[in-house]
Amino acid sequence: MGAVASTATEHRGGWTVGIGGEYAFLDWLSGFVEYDYYGFGSSTNVFPCGACGLAATAAPFGIRTSINVLRAGLNFRFGPRF
C-alpha cells in the first residue's frame, strides 16, 4: 500500500480568452474550431513533511496553472428551418 507524505488543497479564480469560428457546409451540417486559454495565475504552497511528523520541516513549491484547449467538431441540425 502506498504512503502519502503530504497533501494540499487550493481554490483559485482565473480568467479565460478564446477565439473560434464556424462554417456551414450544408443547411444541416456545419463545422467549428475553437481555441481557449485559461489562466489561473501562480501561487506558492508549503507542504509540511507529514511522513516525518515534523511541522517545522516544510518545502515551498511554486505552482503556475494555465490550460490551452483546442476544440473542433461538427454540428448536425435536425428539423425544419425557421
N, C-alpha and C. Protein backbone atom coordinates (compact mmCIF):
# COMPACT_ATOMS: atom_id res chain seq x y z
N MET A 1 0.84 -1.16 0.00
CA MET A 1 0.00 0.00 0.00
C MET A 1 0.89 1.23 0.00
N GLY A 2 0.55 2.24 -0.80
CA GLY A 2 1.35 3.46 -0.91
C GLY A 2 1.12 4.41 0.25
N ALA A 3 2.13 5.21 0.54
CA ALA A 3 2.05 6.20 1.60
C ALA A 3 2.00 7.60 1.00
N VAL A 4 1.27 8.48 1.63
CA VAL A 4 1.19 9.87 1.21
C VAL A 4 2.00 10.71 2.19
N ALA A 5 3.01 11.41 1.69
CA ALA A 5 3.86 12.22 2.57
C ALA A 5 3.19 13.54 2.94
N SER A 6 2.48 14.17 1.98
CA SER A 6 1.86 15.45 2.25
C SER A 6 0.83 15.76 1.17
N THR A 7 -0.22 16.48 1.54
CA THR A 7 -1.23 16.91 0.58
C THR A 7 -1.56 18.38 0.83
N ALA A 8 -2.12 19.03 -0.18
CA ALA A 8 -2.58 20.41 -0.05
C ALA A 8 -3.76 20.61 -0.98
N THR A 9 -4.66 21.51 -0.60
CA THR A 9 -5.82 21.85 -1.42
C THR A 9 -5.85 23.37 -1.58
N GLU A 10 -6.15 23.81 -2.80
CA GLU A 10 -6.20 25.24 -3.05
C GLU A 10 -7.27 25.52 -4.10
N HIS A 11 -8.01 26.59 -3.92
CA HIS A 11 -9.02 27.03 -4.88
C HIS A 11 -8.62 28.42 -5.36
N ARG A 12 -8.52 28.59 -6.67
CA ARG A 12 -8.14 29.88 -7.24
C ARG A 12 -9.08 30.26 -8.35
N GLY A 13 -9.32 31.56 -8.47
CA GLY A 13 -10.07 32.07 -9.61
C GLY A 13 -9.11 32.37 -10.75
N GLY A 14 -9.65 32.62 -11.91
CA GLY A 14 -8.79 32.89 -13.05
C GLY A 14 -9.53 33.62 -14.15
N TRP A 15 -9.00 33.55 -15.33
CA TRP A 15 -9.58 34.23 -16.47
C TRP A 15 -9.43 33.35 -17.70
N THR A 16 -10.19 33.69 -18.74
CA THR A 16 -10.12 32.93 -19.98
C THR A 16 -10.27 33.87 -21.17
N VAL A 17 -9.68 33.49 -22.26
CA VAL A 17 -9.83 34.20 -23.52
C VAL A 17 -9.85 33.14 -24.62
N GLY A 18 -10.61 33.41 -25.67
CA GLY A 18 -10.70 32.41 -26.73
C GLY A 18 -11.11 33.03 -28.05
N ILE A 19 -10.95 32.23 -29.08
CA ILE A 19 -11.34 32.64 -30.42
C ILE A 19 -11.81 31.39 -31.16
N GLY A 20 -12.74 31.58 -32.08
CA GLY A 20 -13.23 30.43 -32.82
C GLY A 20 -14.05 30.85 -34.01
N GLY A 21 -14.44 29.87 -34.78
CA GLY A 21 -15.25 30.12 -35.95
C GLY A 21 -16.06 28.91 -36.32
N GLU A 22 -17.11 29.17 -37.09
CA GLU A 22 -17.98 28.10 -37.55
C GLU A 22 -18.29 28.32 -39.02
N TYR A 23 -18.32 27.24 -39.78
CA TYR A 23 -18.59 27.31 -41.21
C TYR A 23 -19.70 26.32 -41.56
N ALA A 24 -20.72 26.78 -42.30
CA ALA A 24 -21.83 25.92 -42.71
C ALA A 24 -21.49 25.27 -44.04
N PHE A 25 -21.34 23.96 -44.03
CA PHE A 25 -21.08 23.21 -45.26
C PHE A 25 -22.38 23.01 -46.05
N LEU A 26 -23.44 22.70 -45.33
CA LEU A 26 -24.78 22.49 -45.89
C LEU A 26 -25.79 23.13 -44.96
N ASP A 27 -27.08 23.12 -45.34
CA ASP A 27 -28.11 23.67 -44.45
C ASP A 27 -28.18 22.92 -43.13
N TRP A 28 -27.80 21.66 -43.12
CA TRP A 28 -27.94 20.83 -41.93
C TRP A 28 -26.61 20.43 -41.30
N LEU A 29 -25.47 20.91 -41.85
CA LEU A 29 -24.17 20.48 -41.36
C LEU A 29 -23.20 21.67 -41.31
N SER A 30 -22.59 21.86 -40.15
CA SER A 30 -21.55 22.89 -40.02
C SER A 30 -20.41 22.33 -39.18
N GLY A 31 -19.26 22.95 -39.31
CA GLY A 31 -18.09 22.56 -38.53
C GLY A 31 -17.54 23.76 -37.79
N PHE A 32 -16.89 23.51 -36.66
CA PHE A 32 -16.33 24.61 -35.88
C PHE A 32 -14.94 24.26 -35.36
N VAL A 33 -14.17 25.30 -35.10
CA VAL A 33 -12.86 25.21 -34.45
C VAL A 33 -12.81 26.32 -33.42
N GLU A 34 -12.32 26.01 -32.24
CA GLU A 34 -12.26 26.98 -31.15
C GLU A 34 -11.00 26.77 -30.33
N TYR A 35 -10.34 27.88 -29.96
CA TYR A 35 -9.17 27.82 -29.09
C TYR A 35 -9.48 28.64 -27.83
N ASP A 36 -9.20 28.08 -26.66
CA ASP A 36 -9.40 28.76 -25.39
C ASP A 36 -8.13 28.67 -24.56
N TYR A 37 -7.82 29.77 -23.87
CA TYR A 37 -6.70 29.80 -22.93
C TYR A 37 -7.26 30.13 -21.56
N TYR A 38 -6.96 29.30 -20.57
CA TYR A 38 -7.40 29.51 -19.20
C TYR A 38 -6.17 29.82 -18.36
N GLY A 39 -6.16 30.97 -17.69
CA GLY A 39 -5.05 31.34 -16.83
C GLY A 39 -5.51 31.44 -15.38
N PHE A 40 -4.81 30.75 -14.50
CA PHE A 40 -5.15 30.75 -13.08
C PHE A 40 -4.05 31.34 -12.22
N GLY A 41 -3.08 32.01 -12.84
CA GLY A 41 -2.02 32.68 -12.09
C GLY A 41 -1.06 31.72 -11.43
N SER A 42 -0.31 32.25 -10.50
CA SER A 42 0.67 31.43 -9.79
C SER A 42 0.55 31.66 -8.30
N SER A 43 1.00 30.71 -7.54
CA SER A 43 0.98 30.80 -6.08
C SER A 43 2.08 29.91 -5.53
N THR A 44 2.35 30.07 -4.26
CA THR A 44 3.33 29.23 -3.58
C THR A 44 2.63 28.50 -2.46
N ASN A 45 2.73 27.20 -2.47
CA ASN A 45 2.17 26.36 -1.42
C ASN A 45 3.29 25.76 -0.60
N VAL A 46 3.04 25.60 0.68
CA VAL A 46 4.01 24.97 1.57
C VAL A 46 3.46 23.61 1.98
N PHE A 47 4.21 22.58 1.69
CA PHE A 47 3.81 21.22 2.01
C PHE A 47 4.59 20.76 3.24
N PRO A 48 3.92 20.60 4.38
CA PRO A 48 4.64 20.09 5.55
C PRO A 48 5.02 18.63 5.37
N CYS A 49 6.05 18.23 6.01
CA CYS A 49 6.51 16.84 5.93
C CYS A 49 5.64 15.99 6.84
N GLY A 50 4.60 15.39 6.27
CA GLY A 50 3.70 14.56 7.06
C GLY A 50 4.29 13.22 7.43
N ALA A 51 5.22 12.72 6.61
CA ALA A 51 5.80 11.41 6.87
C ALA A 51 6.77 11.45 8.05
N CYS A 52 7.46 12.60 8.21
CA CYS A 52 8.45 12.66 9.28
C CYS A 52 7.87 13.21 10.58
N GLY A 53 6.65 13.74 10.56
CA GLY A 53 6.00 14.20 11.77
C GLY A 53 6.51 15.52 12.31
N LEU A 54 7.32 16.22 11.55
CA LEU A 54 7.86 17.50 12.00
C LEU A 54 7.13 18.64 11.28
N ALA A 55 6.42 19.44 12.04
CA ALA A 55 5.68 20.55 11.43
C ALA A 55 6.63 21.63 10.94
N ALA A 56 7.82 21.73 11.54
CA ALA A 56 8.78 22.76 11.13
C ALA A 56 9.45 22.43 9.81
N THR A 57 9.44 21.17 9.42
CA THR A 57 10.05 20.77 8.15
C THR A 57 9.02 20.95 7.05
N ALA A 58 9.26 21.93 6.17
CA ALA A 58 8.30 22.21 5.10
C ALA A 58 9.05 22.58 3.84
N ALA A 59 8.44 22.31 2.72
CA ALA A 59 9.05 22.62 1.43
C ALA A 59 8.10 23.50 0.63
N PRO A 60 8.50 24.73 0.28
CA PRO A 60 7.64 25.58 -0.55
C PRO A 60 7.75 25.21 -2.02
N PHE A 61 6.62 25.15 -2.69
CA PHE A 61 6.58 24.83 -4.11
C PHE A 61 5.80 25.92 -4.84
N GLY A 62 6.39 26.49 -5.87
CA GLY A 62 5.69 27.45 -6.71
C GLY A 62 4.87 26.71 -7.75
N ILE A 63 3.60 27.10 -7.87
CA ILE A 63 2.70 26.41 -8.80
C ILE A 63 2.08 27.45 -9.72
N ARG A 64 2.19 27.22 -11.02
CA ARG A 64 1.55 28.08 -12.01
C ARG A 64 0.65 27.20 -12.87
N THR A 65 -0.58 27.62 -13.04
CA THR A 65 -1.54 26.81 -13.78
C THR A 65 -2.08 27.60 -14.97
N SER A 66 -1.91 27.03 -16.15
CA SER A 66 -2.53 27.56 -17.37
C SER A 66 -2.90 26.38 -18.25
N ILE A 67 -4.01 26.51 -18.95
CA ILE A 67 -4.53 25.41 -19.76
C ILE A 67 -4.83 25.93 -21.17
N ASN A 68 -4.35 25.23 -22.17
CA ASN A 68 -4.64 25.52 -23.57
C ASN A 68 -5.59 24.45 -24.10
N VAL A 69 -6.70 24.88 -24.70
CA VAL A 69 -7.71 23.93 -25.19
C VAL A 69 -8.01 24.24 -26.65
N LEU A 70 -7.93 23.23 -27.50
CA LEU A 70 -8.32 23.33 -28.90
C LEU A 70 -9.46 22.35 -29.13
N ARG A 71 -10.60 22.88 -29.57
CA ARG A 71 -11.77 22.03 -29.82
C ARG A 71 -12.17 22.16 -31.28
N ALA A 72 -12.61 21.06 -31.84
CA ALA A 72 -13.13 21.03 -33.21
C ALA A 72 -14.29 20.04 -33.24
N GLY A 73 -15.27 20.31 -34.08
CA GLY A 73 -16.39 19.40 -34.15
C GLY A 73 -17.35 19.72 -35.27
N LEU A 74 -18.35 18.87 -35.37
CA LEU A 74 -19.41 19.02 -36.37
C LEU A 74 -20.73 19.23 -35.67
N ASN A 75 -21.57 20.07 -36.24
CA ASN A 75 -22.93 20.29 -35.75
C ASN A 75 -23.92 19.80 -36.79
N PHE A 76 -24.84 18.93 -36.37
CA PHE A 76 -25.89 18.44 -37.24
C PHE A 76 -27.20 19.10 -36.83
N ARG A 77 -27.93 19.64 -37.77
CA ARG A 77 -29.19 20.30 -37.48
C ARG A 77 -30.34 19.44 -37.98
N PHE A 78 -31.29 19.14 -37.08
CA PHE A 78 -32.43 18.31 -37.39
C PHE A 78 -33.70 19.16 -37.33
N GLY A 79 -34.68 18.80 -38.08
CA GLY A 79 -35.95 19.50 -38.04
C GLY A 79 -36.04 20.62 -39.07
N PRO A 80 -37.19 21.29 -39.11
CA PRO A 80 -37.40 22.34 -40.13
C PRO A 80 -36.58 23.59 -39.81
N ARG A 81 -36.23 24.33 -40.86
CA ARG A 81 -35.52 25.60 -40.71
C ARG A 81 -36.55 26.70 -40.55
N PHE A 82 -36.28 27.65 -39.68
CA PHE A 82 -37.17 28.78 -39.47
C PHE A 82 -36.47 30.04 -39.88
